[in-house]
Amino acid sequence: MVNMNVYQKEFIDNLKEYRTERKISQAQLAELCGVSTGTIGNVECGLAKPSFDLIISIAENLSIHPALLFSTNALIPEKYQNDRKVLEKILHTLQTEVFAK
């Protein structure tokens, strides 16, 4: 992996986590975002840095707020980390089942 800062690493880890939680492949996410599969692969490997527009598109297609791609558990007190996961699941459910109607 390329030498990267902690924020880029956190972004990559979060992107992979949210994408795999939703059972979306790199190819599927790329198609949803209107970019090549290689672009998503390069972002996840740290070989490319996504544009602001791509970050927004990724977040929208993963049904998350873009800030969640940059958040770090290190900034969230340990006693609240489980709450974060619960809130993310609730938000995802609302976005896909309630607000999508």
Protein backbone atom coordinates (compact mmCIF):
# COMPACT_ATOMS: atom_id res chain seq x y z
CA MET A 1 0.00 0.00 0.00
CA VAL A 2 1.12 3.55 -0.70
CA ASN A 3 2.37 5.78 2.11
CA MET A 4 -0.70 7.66 3.32
CA ASN A 5 -1.86 9.77 6.20
CA VAL A 6 -4.19 8.59 8.93
CA TYR A 7 -7.23 10.34 7.42
CA GLN A 8 -6.78 8.69 4.03
CA LYS A 9 -6.37 5.31 5.75
CA GLU A 10 -9.55 5.92 7.77
CA PHE A 11 -11.44 6.89 4.61
CA ILE A 12 -10.29 3.72 2.83
CA ASP A 13 -11.17 1.50 5.80
CA ASN A 14 -14.61 3.08 6.15
CA LEU A 15 -15.30 2.87 2.42
CA LYS A 16 -14.46 -0.84 2.35
CA GLU A 17 -16.48 -1.50 5.51
CA TYR A 18 -19.64 0.27 4.33
CA ARG A 19 -19.37 -1.22 0.83
CA THR A 20 -18.95 -4.79 2.07
CA GLU A 21 -21.65 -4.39 4.77
CA ARG A 22 -24.07 -3.53 1.99
CA LYS A 23 -22.79 -6.42 -0.15
CA ILE A 24 -21.82 -4.09 -2.98
CA SER A 25 -18.82 -5.03 -5.10
CA GLN A 26 -16.28 -2.50 -6.34
CA ALA A 27 -17.70 -2.98 -9.83
CA GLN A 28 -21.26 -2.32 -8.65
CA LEU A 29 -20.24 0.79 -6.73
CA ALA A 30 -18.27 2.04 -9.71
CA GLU A 31 -21.29 1.61 -11.97
CA LEU A 32 -23.55 3.40 -9.49
CA CYS A 33 -21.05 6.27 -9.26
CA GLY A 34 -20.44 6.47 -13.00
CA VAL A 35 -16.71 5.68 -12.80
CA SER A 36 -14.57 2.71 -13.78
CA THR A 37 -14.07 -0.28 -11.51
CA GLY A 38 -10.38 0.60 -11.55
CA THR A 39 -11.14 4.01 -10.05
CA ILE A 40 -12.86 2.50 -7.02
CA GLY A 41 -10.12 -0.13 -6.73
CA ASN A 42 -7.41 2.53 -6.87
CA VAL A 43 -9.17 4.61 -4.22
CA GLU A 44 -9.48 1.56 -1.94
CA CYS A 45 -5.78 0.76 -2.42
CA GLY A 46 -4.69 4.32 -1.76
CA LEU A 47 -3.37 4.76 -5.30
CA ALA A 48 -5.88 7.49 -6.14
CA LYS A 49 -7.59 10.20 -4.14
CA PRO A 50 -11.27 10.68 -4.93
CA SER A 51 -12.67 14.01 -6.02
CA PHE A 52 -15.22 15.76 -3.84
CA ASP A 53 -17.94 14.81 -6.34
CA LEU A 54 -16.91 11.14 -6.18
CA ILE A 55 -16.94 11.18 -2.37
CA ILE A 56 -20.50 12.57 -2.44
CA SER A 57 -21.56 9.99 -5.02
CA ILE A 58 -20.02 7.13 -3.02
CA ALA A 59 -21.80 8.26 0.14
CA GLU A 60 -25.15 8.64 -1.64
CA ASN A 61 -24.85 5.19 -3.21
CA LEU A 62 -23.92 3.64 0.13
CA SER A 63 -26.83 5.50 1.80
CA ILE A 64 -24.59 7.22 4.33
CA HIS A 65 -23.63 10.78 5.17
CA PRO A 66 -20.29 11.66 3.54
CA ALA A 67 -18.81 12.55 6.94
CA LEU A 68 -19.08 8.89 7.96
CA LEU A 69 -16.41 8.05 5.39
CA PHE A 70 -13.98 10.26 7.30
CA SER A 71 -15.05 9.61 10.88
CA THR A 72 -12.73 7.73 13.14
CA ASN A 73 -13.55 5.60 16.13
CA ALA A 74 -10.55 7.19 17.82
CA LEU A 75 -12.57 10.40 18.04
CA ILE A 76 -15.59 8.64 19.54
CA PRO A 77 -15.35 7.65 23.20
CA GLU A 78 -15.28 3.86 23.49
CA LYS A 79 -18.52 3.73 25.48
CA TYR A 80 -20.34 5.32 22.50
CA GLN A 81 -18.85 3.27 19.67
CA ASN A 82 -21.62 0.65 19.79
CA ASP A 83 -24.19 3.45 19.78
CA ARG A 84 -22.63 4.77 16.57
CA LYS A 85 -23.15 1.41 14.83
CA VAL A 86 -26.76 1.23 16.01
CA LEU A 87 -27.45 4.77 14.80
CA GLU A 88 -25.85 4.04 11.44
CA LYS A 89 -28.08 0.98 11.00
CA ILE A 90 -31.17 2.99 11.93
CA LEU A 91 -30.20 5.73 9.46
CA HIS A 92 -29.61 3.16 6.72
CA THR A 93 -32.99 1.53 7.39
CA LEU A 94 -34.77 4.88 7.34
CA GLN A 95 -33.07 5.92 4.12
CA THR A 96 -33.80 2.67 2.32
CA GLU A 97 -37.25 1.78 3.67
CA VAL A 98 -38.95 4.96 4.80
CA PHE A 99 -37.47 7.87 2.88
CA ALA A 100 -37.15 5.92 -0.36
CA LYS A 101 -40.96 5.77 -0.73
